[in-house]
Amino acid sequence: MNQSSSKSNRLAGTAFSTALNEYLAWLTAERGASILTIEAYNHDLKMYQNWLSGAIDVHRLADITNELPSLYVMELAEVGYAVSSQQRTAAAIRSFHRFCLREDLCENNPAATLALPKKSLALPKTLPIESVAALLDQDFPVSPIGYRDKAMLEILYGCGLRVSELTGLDRLQLLLPDGYLRVIGKGDKERLVPIGGAALTALNDYLAYSRPHLHTLSELEPRDTSAVFVNARGQRISRQSVFLIVVGYGKKVGIDKLHPHMLRHSFATHLLDGGADLLSIQKLLGHASVATTQIYTHVDISHIRAEYLAAHPRANLAIQE
């Protein structure tokens, strides 16, 4: 028997269990994988092996056809496995078969076209307009802190800022006579965001009656004269403080688990519902791609049926038997 025939026979006869043991040894010795990673891959691949041997009666690598890895992952979805578990299993199967091909344990890679399952679209949580009104129209304390807090909440919703953009605002970024904020977003990218109405009024009140007072409350610590929003010690307010402030005012009007980003999501959603186009919203939010902004088109479609029933000339016609 020549060398080529011997190799072909060996490849044809490699058992899944033998290849799995070699793969796990390679993960340990060559890749230095953690114990948890090895245990997870061993668990996922043992389940894959059991499915191949039990449901398909396949025990050797050479008998695993190209469609079997995909069929197995599809079955995991059908029986209710979480997408994260499906993704981990698919990743383990792809890695295993690549190893087997590279080490000449088989002649082909049946998982070469196996795609990782995609997570379902995670829709951002938003507030109804009525809840936003209850939040922003509540009785804020008539104090420097109260003026500051109202201004921060009004701007988070009225301008759609990220909390880091709010806390990072400097006085030189306020272009209030023109009705704009010059916002520094992700990647130090600048954008102009309009400000008006309730947000502009609240900001002007804070700047006139609150911020000067907050700067004089403490003489023991250095004060941040450039920051727009400061704490009771005259220092730039932190993201954590803003988070707690938003949570607290939300609880006062019965909004549980409110967070600053929910106000940003609500800003975008309410603009879209009000007729603003997607490209304008993208620019206001500072998204690099309109694809990111498109998630808001999926947030609330409950009103679409009502509008359809009201507008379509045949939507309410009963079918005559």
C-alpha atoms as a PDB file:
ATOM      1  CA  MET A   1       0.000   0.000   0.000  1.00  0.00           C
ATOM      2  CA  ASN A   2       1.466   3.329  -1.046  1.00  0.00           C
ATOM      3  CA  GLN A   3       1.635   6.418   1.173  1.00  0.00           C
ATOM      4  CA  SER A   4      -1.268   8.149  -0.598  1.00  0.00           C
ATOM      5  CA  SER A   5      -3.589   5.191  -0.079  1.00  0.00           C
ATOM      6  CA  SER A   6      -2.586   4.920   3.556  1.00  0.00           C
ATOM      7  CA  LYS A   7      -3.373   8.596   4.141  1.00  0.00           C
ATOM      8  CA  SER A   8      -6.720   8.281   2.348  1.00  0.00           C
ATOM      9  CA  ASN A   9      -7.713   5.289   4.462  1.00  0.00           C
ATOM     10  CA  ARG A  10      -6.712   7.118   7.634  1.00  0.00           C
ATOM     11  CA  LEU A  11      -8.723  10.174   6.697  1.00  0.00           C
ATOM     12  CA  ALA A  12     -11.757   8.079   5.856  1.00  0.00           C
ATOM     13  CA  GLY A  13     -11.645   6.325   9.181  1.00  0.00           C
ATOM     14  CA  THR A  14     -10.991   9.129  11.654  1.00  0.00           C
ATOM     15  CA  ALA A  15     -13.604   8.934  14.378  1.00  0.00           C
ATOM     16  CA  PHE A  16     -15.260  12.087  15.678  1.00  0.00           C
ATOM     17  CA  SER A  17     -14.307  11.210  19.241  1.00  0.00           C
ATOM     18  CA  THR A  18     -10.633  10.834  18.312  1.00  0.00           C
ATOM     19  CA  ALA A  19     -10.597  14.182  16.533  1.00  0.00           C
ATOM     20  CA  LEU A  20     -12.381  15.853  19.443  1.00  0.00           C
ATOM     21  CA  ASN A  21      -9.761  14.643  21.907  1.00  0.00           C
ATOM     22  CA  GLU A  22      -6.973  15.982  19.694  1.00  0.00           C
ATOM     23  CA  TYR A  23      -8.779  19.303  19.292  1.00  0.00           C
ATOM     24  CA  LEU A  24      -9.243  19.765  23.033  1.00  0.00           C
ATOM     25  CA  ALA A  25      -5.571  18.905  23.604  1.00  0.00           C
ATOM     26  CA  TRP A  26      -4.607  21.512  20.989  1.00  0.00           C
ATOM     27  CA  LEU A  27      -6.784  24.141  22.674  1.00  0.00           C
ATOM     28  CA  THR A  28      -5.011  23.455  25.936  1.00  0.00           C
ATOM     29  CA  ALA A  29      -1.408  23.117  24.796  1.00  0.00           C
ATOM     30  CA  GLU A  30      -1.183  25.345  21.731  1.00  0.00           C
ATOM     31  CA  ARG A  31      -3.838  27.996  22.273  1.00  0.00           C
ATOM     32  CA  GLY A  32      -3.579  28.201  26.057  1.00  0.00           C
ATOM     33  CA  ALA A  33      -7.365  28.381  26.334  1.00  0.00           C
ATOM     34  CA  SER A  34      -8.879  28.778  29.782  1.00  0.00           C
ATOM     35  CA  ILE A  35     -10.494  25.889  31.602  1.00  0.00           C
ATOM     36  CA  LEU A  36     -13.915  27.503  31.194  1.00  0.00           C
ATOM     37  CA  THR A  37     -13.442  27.872  27.437  1.00  0.00           C
ATOM     38  CA  ILE A  38     -12.330  24.267  27.058  1.00  0.00           C
ATOM     39  CA  GLU A  39     -15.254  23.035  29.146  1.00  0.00           C
ATOM     40  CA  ALA A  40     -17.721  25.064  27.092  1.00  0.00           C
ATOM     41  CA  TYR A  41     -16.328  23.863  23.757  1.00  0.00           C
ATOM     42  CA  ASN A  42     -16.186  20.281  25.008  1.00  0.00           C
ATOM     43  CA  HIS A  43     -19.827  20.493  26.112  1.00  0.00           C
ATOM     44  CA  ASP A  44     -21.019  22.012  22.825  1.00  0.00           C
ATOM     45  CA  LEU A  45     -19.056  19.619  20.637  1.00  0.00           C
ATOM     46  CA  LYS A  46     -20.111  16.563  22.665  1.00  0.00           C
ATOM     47  CA  MET A  47     -23.741  17.580  22.077  1.00  0.00           C
ATOM     48  CA  TYR A  48     -22.970  17.980  18.370  1.00  0.00           C
ATOM     49  CA  GLN A  49     -21.343  14.529  18.383  1.00  0.00           C
ATOM     50  CA  ASN A  50     -24.338  12.962  20.151  1.00  0.00           C
ATOM     51  CA  TRP A  51     -26.699  14.505  17.594  1.00  0.00           C
ATOM     52  CA  LEU A  52     -24.575  13.244  14.698  1.00  0.00           C
ATOM     53  CA  SER A  53     -24.334   9.716  16.078  1.00  0.00           C
ATOM     54  CA  GLY A  54     -27.877   9.466  17.443  1.00  0.00           C
ATOM     55  CA  ALA A  55     -30.080  11.348  14.989  1.00  0.00           C
ATOM     56  CA  ILE A  56     -28.001  11.012  11.822  1.00  0.00           C
ATOM     57  CA  ASP A  57     -25.986   7.839  12.563  1.00  0.00           C
ATOM     58  CA  VAL A  58     -22.735   9.575  11.656  1.00  0.00           C
ATOM     59  CA  HIS A  59     -19.609   8.645  13.615  1.00  0.00           C
ATOM     60  CA  ARG A  60     -16.701   9.546  11.347  1.00  0.00           C
ATOM     61  CA  LEU A  61     -15.507  12.945  10.165  1.00  0.00           C
ATOM     62  CA  ALA A  62     -15.556  11.808   6.538  1.00  0.00           C
ATOM     63  CA  ASP A  63     -19.313  11.199   6.733  1.00  0.00           C
ATOM     64  CA  ILE A  64     -20.222  14.720   7.914  1.00  0.00           C
ATOM     65  CA  THR A  65     -21.721  16.402   4.874  1.00  0.00           C
ATOM     66  CA  ASN A  66     -21.777  20.162   4.307  1.00  0.00           C
ATOM     67  CA  GLU A  67     -25.390  20.646   5.349  1.00  0.00           C
ATOM     68  CA  LEU A  68     -25.186  18.834   8.706  1.00  0.00           C
ATOM     69  CA  PRO A  69     -23.538  21.592  10.807  1.00  0.00           C
ATOM     70  CA  SER A  70     -26.169  24.089   9.646  1.00  0.00           C
ATOM     71  CA  LEU A  71     -28.985  21.631  10.259  1.00  0.00           C
ATOM     72  CA  TYR A  72     -27.743  21.083  13.805  1.00  0.00           C
ATOM     73  CA  VAL A  73     -27.591  24.783  14.638  1.00  0.00           C
ATOM     74  CA  MET A  74     -31.060  25.247  13.110  1.00  0.00           C
ATOM     75  CA  GLU A  75     -32.348  22.500  15.373  1.00  0.00           C
ATOM     76  CA  LEU A  76     -30.921  24.282  18.416  1.00  0.00           C
ATOM     77  CA  ALA A  77     -32.972  27.321  17.427  1.00  0.00           C
ATOM     78  CA  GLU A  78     -36.104  25.267  16.976  1.00  0.00           C
ATOM     79  CA  VAL A  79     -35.893  23.757  20.455  1.00  0.00           C
ATOM     80  CA  GLY A  80     -35.486  27.180  22.043  1.00  0.00           C
ATOM     81  CA  TYR A  81     -31.756  27.697  22.609  1.00  0.00           C
ATOM     82  CA  ALA A  82     -30.790  31.324  23.172  1.00  0.00           C
ATOM     83  CA  VAL A  83     -29.112  33.043  20.232  1.00  0.00           C
ATOM     84  CA  SER A  84     -25.962  33.474  22.335  1.00  0.00           C
ATOM     85  CA  SER A  85     -25.834  29.689  22.886  1.00  0.00           C
ATOM     86  CA  GLN A  86     -26.383  29.057  19.185  1.00  0.00           C
ATOM     87  CA  GLN A  87     -23.564  31.451  18.334  1.00  0.00           C
ATOM     88  CA  ARG A  88     -21.159  29.814  20.782  1.00  0.00           C
ATOM     89  CA  THR A  89     -21.989  26.360  19.424  1.00  0.00           C
ATOM     90  CA  ALA A  90     -21.557  27.474  15.817  1.00  0.00           C
ATOM     91  CA  ALA A  91     -18.222  29.065  16.671  1.00  0.00           C
ATOM     92  CA  ALA A  92     -17.058  25.851  18.356  1.00  0.00           C
ATOM     93  CA  ILE A  93     -18.125  23.728  15.364  1.00  0.00           C
ATOM     94  CA  ARG A  94     -16.366  26.027  12.893  1.00  0.00           C
ATOM     95  CA  SER A  95     -13.174  26.051  14.942  1.00  0.00           C
ATOM     96  CA  PHE A  96     -13.250  22.263  15.361  1.00  0.00           C
ATOM     97  CA  HIS A  97     -13.655  21.508  11.658  1.00  0.00           C
ATOM     98  CA  ARG A  98     -10.973  24.040  10.668  1.00  0.00           C
ATOM     99  CA  PHE A  99      -8.601  22.272  13.059  1.00  0.00           C
ATOM    100  CA  CYS A 100      -9.476  18.856  11.646  1.00  0.00           C
ATOM    101  CA  LEU A 101      -8.779  19.984   8.076  1.00  0.00           C
ATOM    102  CA  ARG A 102      -5.536  21.712   9.041  1.00  0.00           C
ATOM    103  CA  GLU A 103      -4.291  18.614  10.894  1.00  0.00           C
ATOM    104  CA  ASP A 104      -5.191  16.265   8.022  1.00  0.00           C
ATOM    105  CA  LEU A 105      -7.848  14.500  10.058  1.00  0.00           C
ATOM    106  CA  CYS A 106     -10.306  14.943   7.183  1.00  0.00           C
ATOM    107  CA  GLU A 107     -10.309  15.990   3.540  1.00  0.00           C
ATOM    108  CA  ASN A 108     -12.881  18.791   3.658  1.00  0.00           C
ATOM    109  CA  ASN A 109     -14.419  21.326   6.033  1.00  0.00           C
ATOM    110  CA  PRO A 110     -18.197  20.804   6.226  1.00  0.00           C
ATOM    111  CA  ALA A 111     -18.575  23.917   8.382  1.00  0.00           C
ATOM    112  CA  ALA A 112     -16.836  26.248   5.935  1.00  0.00           C
ATOM    113  CA  THR A 113     -20.104  28.009   5.108  1.00  0.00           C
ATOM    114  CA  LEU A 114     -21.678  27.766   8.563  1.00  0.00           C
ATOM    115  CA  ALA A 115     -22.867  31.253   9.523  1.00  0.00           C
ATOM    116  CA  LEU A 116     -23.147  32.522  13.076  1.00  0.00           C
ATOM    117  CA  PRO A 117     -26.812  33.024  14.017  1.00  0.00           C
ATOM    118  CA  LYS A 118     -27.732  36.687  14.189  1.00  0.00           C
ATOM    119  CA  LYS A 119     -29.169  38.228  17.281  1.00  0.00           C
ATOM    120  CA  SER A 120     -32.650  39.636  16.952  1.00  0.00           C
ATOM    121  CA  LEU A 121     -32.937  43.393  16.679  1.00  0.00           C
ATOM    122  CA  ALA A 122     -32.765  44.894  20.155  1.00  0.00           C
ATOM    123  CA  LEU A 123     -35.215  47.760  20.082  1.00  0.00           C
ATOM    124  CA  PRO A 124     -34.432  50.712  22.324  1.00  0.00           C
ATOM    125  CA  LYS A 125     -36.865  51.449  25.118  1.00  0.00           C
ATOM    126  CA  THR A 126     -38.676  54.748  24.784  1.00  0.00           C
ATOM    127  CA  LEU A 127     -41.184  56.785  26.751  1.00  0.00           C
ATOM    128  CA  PRO A 128     -44.622  57.849  25.578  1.00  0.00           C
ATOM    129  CA  ILE A 129     -44.933  61.596  25.086  1.00  0.00           C
ATOM    130  CA  GLU A 130     -47.269  61.728  28.098  1.00  0.00           C
ATOM    131  CA  SER A 131     -44.601  60.192  30.333  1.00  0.00           C
ATOM    132  CA  VAL A 132     -41.993  62.670  29.096  1.00  0.00           C
ATOM    133  CA  ALA A 133     -44.396  65.517  29.886  1.00  0.00           C
ATOM    134  CA  ALA A 134     -44.975  64.147  33.391  1.00  0.00           C
ATOM    135  CA  LEU A 135     -41.234  63.881  33.935  1.00  0.00           C
ATOM    136  CA  LEU A 136     -40.327  67.358  32.727  1.00  0.00           C
ATOM    137  CA  ASP A 137     -43.373  69.216  34.040  1.00  0.00           C
ATOM    138  CA  GLN A 138     -43.102  67.908  37.597  1.00  0.00           C
ATOM    139  CA  ASP A 139     -42.313  70.311  40.427  1.00  0.00           C
ATOM    140  CA  PHE A 140     -38.541  70.646  40.532  1.00  0.00           C
ATOM    141  CA  PRO A 141     -37.049  72.133  43.725  1.00  0.00           C
ATOM    142  CA  VAL A 142     -36.890  75.925  43.647  1.00  0.00           C
ATOM    143  CA  SER A 143     -33.162  75.891  44.320  1.00  0.00           C
ATOM    144  CA  PRO A 144     -29.874  75.975  42.395  1.00  0.00           C
ATOM    145  CA  ILE A 145     -29.901  72.167  42.252  1.00  0.00           C
ATOM    146  CA  GLY A 146     -33.501  72.123  41.039  1.00  0.00           C
ATOM    147  CA  TYR A 147     -32.789  74.590  38.219  1.00  0.00           C
ATOM    148  CA  ARG A 148     -29.749  72.552  37.202  1.00  0.00           C
ATOM    149  CA  ASP A 149     -31.592  69.244  37.221  1.00  0.00           C
ATOM    150  CA  LYS A 150     -34.469  70.549  35.142  1.00  0.00           C
ATOM    151  CA  ALA A 151     -32.065  71.997  32.585  1.00  0.00           C
ATOM    152  CA  MET A 152     -30.178  68.693  32.304  1.00  0.00           C
ATOM    153  CA  LEU A 153     -33.349  66.637  31.811  1.00  0.00           C
ATOM    154  CA  GLU A 154     -34.780  69.112  29.309  1.00  0.00           C
ATOM    155  CA  ILE A 155     -31.571  69.019  27.257  1.00  0.00           C
ATOM    156  CA  LEU A 156     -31.233  65.235  27.371  1.00  0.00           C
ATOM    157  CA  TYR A 157     -34.701  64.936  25.850  1.00  0.00           C
ATOM    158  CA  GLY A 158     -34.897  68.209  23.919  1.00  0.00           C
ATOM    159  CA  CYS A 159     -31.518  67.831  22.199  1.00  0.00           C
ATOM    160  CA  GLY A 160     -31.039  64.039  22.266  1.00  0.00           C
ATOM    161  CA  LEU A 161     -27.585  64.213  23.834  1.00  0.00           C
ATOM    162  CA  ARG A 162     -25.629  61.284  25.169  1.00  0.00           C
ATOM    163  CA  VAL A 163     -24.942  61.671  28.890  1.00  0.00           C
ATOM    164  CA  SER A 164     -21.200  62.012  28.164  1.00  0.00           C
ATOM    165  CA  GLU A 165     -21.975  64.829  25.740  1.00  0.00           C
ATOM    166  CA  LEU A 166     -24.068  66.577  28.375  1.00  0.00           C
ATOM    167  CA  THR A 167     -21.438  66.342  31.103  1.00  0.00           C
ATOM    168  CA  GLY A 168     -18.716  67.339  28.636  1.00  0.00           C
ATOM    169  CA  LEU A 169     -20.418  70.565  27.581  1.00  0.00           C
ATOM    170  CA  ASP A 170     -18.255  73.657  28.028  1.00  0.00           C
ATOM    171  CA  ARG A 171     -19.529  77.211  28.131  1.00  0.00           C
ATOM    172  CA  LEU A 172     -17.814  78.024  24.835  1.00  0.00           C
ATOM    173  CA  GLN A 173     -19.963  75.351  23.181  1.00  0.00           C
ATOM    174  CA  LEU A 174     -23.173  77.259  23.949  1.00  0.00           C
ATOM    175  CA  LEU A 175     -24.215  79.199  20.871  1.00  0.00           C
ATOM    176  CA  LEU A 176     -27.466  80.285  22.459  1.00  0.00           C
ATOM    177  CA  PRO A 177     -28.073  83.514  20.496  1.00  0.00           C
ATOM    178  CA  ASP A 178     -28.092  81.328  17.353  1.00  0.00           C
ATOM    179  CA  GLY A 179     -30.088  78.545  19.044  1.00  0.00           C
ATOM    180  CA  TYR A 180     -27.425  75.831  18.900  1.00  0.00           C
ATOM    181  CA  LEU A 181     -25.156  73.684  21.031  1.00  0.00           C
ATOM    182  CA  ARG A 182     -21.783  72.681  19.625  1.00  0.00           C
ATOM    183  CA  VAL A 183     -21.599  69.078  20.775  1.00  0.00           C
ATOM    184  CA  ILE A 184     -18.465  66.901  20.877  1.00  0.00           C
ATOM    185  CA  GLY A 185     -19.561  63.332  20.226  1.00  0.00           C
ATOM    186  CA  LYS A 186     -17.896  59.972  19.744  1.00  0.00           C
ATOM    187  CA  GLY A 187     -14.485  60.131  18.130  1.00  0.00           C
ATOM    188  CA  ASP A 188     -14.278  63.834  18.983  1.00  0.00           C
ATOM    189  CA  LYS A 189     -16.637  64.593  16.104  1.00  0.00           C
ATOM    190  CA  GLU A 190     -18.412  67.916  16.369  1.00  0.00           C
ATOM    191  CA  ARG A 191     -22.009  68.612  15.426  1.00  0.00           C
ATOM    192  CA  LEU A 192     -24.426  71.479  15.860  1.00  0.00           C
ATOM    193  CA  VAL A 193     -27.615  70.577  17.700  1.00  0.00           C
ATOM    194  CA  PRO A 194     -30.556  72.991  17.774  1.00  0.00           C
ATOM    195  CA  ILE A 195     -31.900  74.047  21.157  1.00  0.00           C
ATOM    196  CA  GLY A 196     -35.119  75.907  21.734  1.00  0.00           C
ATOM    197  CA  GLY A 197     -38.395  75.976  23.604  1.00  0.00           C
ATOM    198  CA  ALA A 198     -38.457  74.429  27.065  1.00  0.00           C
ATOM    199  CA  ALA A 199     -34.841  73.236  26.880  1.00  0.00           C
ATOM    200  CA  LEU A 200     -33.505  76.699  26.037  1.00  0.00           C
ATOM    201  CA  THR A 201     -35.626  78.354  28.743  1.00  0.00           C
ATOM    202  CA  ALA A 202     -34.466  75.850  31.375  1.00  0.00           C
ATOM    203  CA  LEU A 203     -30.816  76.265  30.359  1.00  0.00           C
ATOM    204  CA  ASN A 204     -31.025  80.067  30.498  1.00  0.00           C
ATOM    205  CA  ASP A 205     -32.660  79.912  33.930  1.00  0.00           C
ATOM    206  CA  TYR A 206     -29.911  77.597  35.175  1.00  0.00           C
ATOM    207  CA  LEU A 207     -27.140  79.794  33.807  1.00  0.00           C
ATOM    208  CA  ALA A 208     -28.689  82.931  35.288  1.00  0.00           C
ATOM    209  CA  TYR A 209     -29.888  81.777  38.705  1.00  0.00           C
ATOM    210  CA  SER A 210     -28.207  78.485  39.542  1.00  0.00           C
ATOM    211  CA  ARG A 211     -24.731  78.014  38.129  1.00  0.00           C
ATOM    212  CA  PRO A 212     -23.223  81.155  39.724  1.00  0.00           C
ATOM    213  CA  HIS A 213     -24.548  80.059  43.103  1.00  0.00           C
ATOM    214  CA  LEU A 214     -23.188  76.513  42.776  1.00  0.00           C
ATOM    215  CA  HIS A 215     -19.765  77.954  42.079  1.00  0.00           C
ATOM    216  CA  THR A 216     -19.762  79.796  45.401  1.00  0.00           C
ATOM    217  CA  LEU A 217     -20.913  76.942  47.640  1.00  0.00           C
ATOM    218  CA  SER A 218     -17.422  75.572  48.184  1.00  0.00           C
ATOM    219  CA  GLU A 219     -14.227  77.541  48.557  1.00  0.00           C
ATOM    220  CA  LEU A 220     -12.186  74.508  49.599  1.00  0.00           C
ATOM    221  CA  GLU A 221     -12.001  72.764  46.212  1.00  0.00           C
ATOM    222  CA  PRO A 222     -10.934  74.033  42.789  1.00  0.00           C
ATOM    223  CA  ARG A 223     -13.932  74.990  40.676  1.00  0.00           C
ATOM    224  CA  ASP A 224     -14.406  74.167  37.007  1.00  0.00           C
ATOM    225  CA  THR A 225     -15.130  77.488  35.361  1.00  0.00           C
ATOM    226  CA  SER A 226     -15.442  75.972  31.858  1.00  0.00           C
ATOM    227  CA  ALA A 227     -18.057  73.276  32.578  1.00  0.00           C
ATOM    228  CA  VAL A 228     -21.694  74.060  31.893  1.00  0.00           C
ATOM    229  CA  PHE A 229     -23.111  71.617  34.430  1.00  0.00           C
ATOM    230  CA  VAL A 230     -21.438  71.455  37.826  1.00  0.00           C
ATOM    231  CA  ASN A 231     -22.113  69.749  41.123  1.00  0.00           C
ATOM    232  CA  ALA A 232     -22.586  71.360  44.522  1.00  0.00           C
ATOM    233  CA  ARG A 233     -18.807  71.752  44.841  1.00  0.00           C
ATOM    234  CA  GLY A 234     -18.505  73.689  41.610  1.00  0.00           C
ATOM    235  CA  GLN A 235     -16.845  70.803  39.758  1.00  0.00           C
ATOM    236  CA  ARG A 236     -17.957  69.285  36.476  1.00  0.00           C
ATOM    237  CA  ILE A 237     -20.819  66.910  37.174  1.00  0.00           C
ATOM    238  CA  SER A 238     -20.114  63.226  36.563  1.00  0.00           C
ATOM    239  CA  ARG A 239     -21.972  60.768  34.366  1.00  0.00           C
ATOM    240  CA  GLN A 240     -22.818  58.683  37.426  1.00  0.00           C
ATOM    241  CA  SER A 241     -24.403  61.679  39.121  1.00  0.00           C
ATOM    242  CA  VAL A 242     -26.528  62.457  36.072  1.00  0.00           C
ATOM    243  CA  PHE A 243     -27.651  58.830  35.939  1.00  0.00           C
ATOM    244  CA  LEU A 244     -28.768  58.899  39.580  1.00  0.00           C
ATOM    245  CA  ILE A 245     -30.509  62.246  39.102  1.00  0.00           C
ATOM    246  CA  VAL A 246     -32.471  60.953  36.113  1.00  0.00           C
ATOM    247  CA  VAL A 247     -33.432  57.762  37.951  1.00  0.00           C
ATOM    248  CA  GLY A 248     -34.604  59.770  40.958  1.00  0.00           C
ATOM    249  CA  TYR A 249     -36.842  62.148  39.013  1.00  0.00           C
ATOM    250  CA  GLY A 250     -38.237  59.219  37.049  1.00  0.00           C
ATOM    251  CA  LYS A 251     -39.282  57.448  40.228  1.00  0.00           C
ATOM    252  CA  LYS A 252     -41.071  60.585  41.431  1.00  0.00           C
ATOM    253  CA  VAL A 253     -43.522  60.329  38.539  1.00  0.00           C
ATOM    254  CA  GLY A 254     -43.747  56.535  38.459  1.00  0.00           C
ATOM    255  CA  ILE A 255     -41.213  55.794  35.697  1.00  0.00           C
ATOM    256  CA  ASP A 256     -39.140  52.836  36.851  1.00  0.00           C
ATOM    257  CA  LYS A 257     -35.648  52.117  35.515  1.00  0.00           C
ATOM    258  CA  LEU A 258     -35.409  55.398  33.656  1.00  0.00           C
ATOM    259  CA  HIS A 259     -31.940  56.196  32.374  1.00  0.00           C
ATOM    260  CA  PRO A 260     -30.472  59.085  30.351  1.00  0.00           C
ATOM    261  CA  HIS A 261     -30.197  57.120  27.118  1.00  0.00           C
ATOM    262  CA  MET A 262     -33.926  56.400  27.237  1.00  0.00           C
ATOM    263  CA  LEU A 263     -34.519  60.135  26.888  1.00  0.00           C
ATOM    264  CA  ARG A 264     -32.224  60.170  23.825  1.00  0.00           C
ATOM    265  CA  HIS A 265     -34.149  57.235  22.322  1.00  0.00           C
ATOM    266  CA  SER A 266     -37.435  59.012  23.036  1.00  0.00           C
ATOM    267  CA  PHE A 267     -36.105  62.188  21.385  1.00  0.00           C
ATOM    268  CA  ALA A 268     -35.373  60.289  18.159  1.00  0.00           C
ATOM    269  CA  THR A 269     -38.595  58.289  18.166  1.00  0.00           C
ATOM    270  CA  HIS A 270     -40.824  61.301  18.787  1.00  0.00           C
ATOM    271  CA  LEU A 271     -39.061  63.245  16.037  1.00  0.00           C
ATOM    272  CA  LEU A 272     -39.649  60.372  13.619  1.00  0.00           C
ATOM    273  CA  ASP A 273     -43.297  60.097  14.638  1.00  0.00           C
ATOM    274  CA  GLY A 274     -43.626  63.843  14.160  1.00  0.00           C
ATOM    275  CA  GLY A 275     -42.492  63.640  10.542  1.00  0.00           C
ATOM    276  CA  ALA A 276     -38.735  64.311  10.727  1.00  0.00           C
ATOM    277  CA  ASP A 277     -36.725  62.475   8.081  1.00  0.00           C
ATOM    278  CA  LEU A 278     -34.184  59.823   8.982  1.00  0.00           C
ATOM    279  CA  LEU A 279     -31.151  61.697   7.662  1.00  0.00           C
ATOM    280  CA  SER A 280     -31.933  64.739   9.796  1.00  0.00           C
ATOM    281  CA  ILE A 281     -32.310  62.550  12.881  1.00  0.00           C
ATOM    282  CA  GLN A 282     -28.994  60.865  12.047  1.00  0.00           C
ATOM    283  CA  LYS A 283     -27.245  64.242  12.037  1.00  0.00           C
ATOM    284  CA  LEU A 284     -28.925  65.337  15.268  1.00  0.00           C
ATOM    285  CA  LEU A 285     -27.881  62.130  17.046  1.00  0.00           C
ATOM    286  CA  GLY A 286     -24.347  62.150  15.650  1.00  0.00           C
ATOM    287  CA  HIS A 287     -24.597  58.658  14.161  1.00  0.00           C
ATOM    288  CA  ALA A 288     -21.823  57.822  11.716  1.00  0.00           C
ATOM    289  CA  SER A 289     -24.206  55.786   9.566  1.00  0.00           C
ATOM    290  CA  VAL A 290     -27.900  56.093   8.863  1.00  0.00           C
ATOM    291  CA  ALA A 291     -28.086  52.314   9.370  1.00  0.00           C
ATOM    292  CA  THR A 292     -27.685  52.937  13.102  1.00  0.00           C
ATOM    293  CA  THR A 293     -30.531  55.442  13.066  1.00  0.00           C
ATOM    294  CA  GLN A 294     -32.843  53.079  11.201  1.00  0.00           C
ATOM    295  CA  ILE A 295     -33.487  51.129  14.385  1.00  0.00           C
ATOM    296  CA  TYR A 296     -35.946  53.850  15.366  1.00  0.00           C
ATOM    297  CA  THR A 297     -38.162  52.961  12.416  1.00  0.00           C
ATOM    298  CA  HIS A 298     -38.872  49.658  14.215  1.00  0.00           C
ATOM    299  CA  VAL A 299     -39.565  51.033  17.671  1.00  0.00           C
ATOM    300  CA  ASP A 300     -43.278  51.743  17.573  1.00  0.00           C
ATOM    301  CA  ILE A 301     -45.448  50.725  14.643  1.00  0.00           C
ATOM    302  CA  SER A 302     -48.672  50.431  16.639  1.00  0.00           C
ATOM    303  CA  HIS A 303     -49.978  53.653  15.101  1.00  0.00           C
ATOM    304  CA  ILE A 304     -49.466  52.432  11.540  1.00  0.00           C
ATOM    305  CA  ARG A 305     -52.520  50.165  11.539  1.00  0.00           C
ATOM    306  CA  ALA A 306     -54.736  52.943  12.846  1.00  0.00           C
ATOM    307  CA  GLU A 307     -53.469  55.326  10.161  1.00  0.00           C
ATOM    308  CA  TYR A 308     -53.954  52.653   7.513  1.00  0.00           C
ATOM    309  CA  LEU A 309     -57.533  51.988   8.586  1.00  0.00           C
ATOM    310  CA  ALA A 310     -58.282  55.703   8.596  1.00  0.00           C
ATOM    311  CA  ALA A 311     -56.647  56.532   5.261  1.00  0.00           C
ATOM    312  CA  HIS A 312     -57.050  53.593   2.878  1.00  0.00           C
ATOM    313  CA  PRO A 313     -60.282  53.730   0.874  1.00  0.00           C
ATOM    314  CA  ARG A 314     -60.912  50.003   1.073  1.00  0.00           C
ATOM    315  CA  ALA A 315     -59.436  49.172   4.464  1.00  0.00           C
ATOM    316  CA  ASN A 316     -62.805  49.107   6.235  1.00  0.00           C
ATOM    317  CA  LEU A 317     -64.928  47.493   3.516  1.00  0.00           C
ATOM    318  CA  ALA A 318     -66.463  44.207   4.585  1.00  0.00           C
ATOM    319  CA  ILE A 319     -66.165  41.369   2.075  1.00  0.00           C
ATOM    320  CA  GLN A 320     -69.592  40.468   0.719  1.00  0.00           C
ATOM    321  CA  GLU A 321     -70.331  36.772   0.569  1.00  0.00           C
END
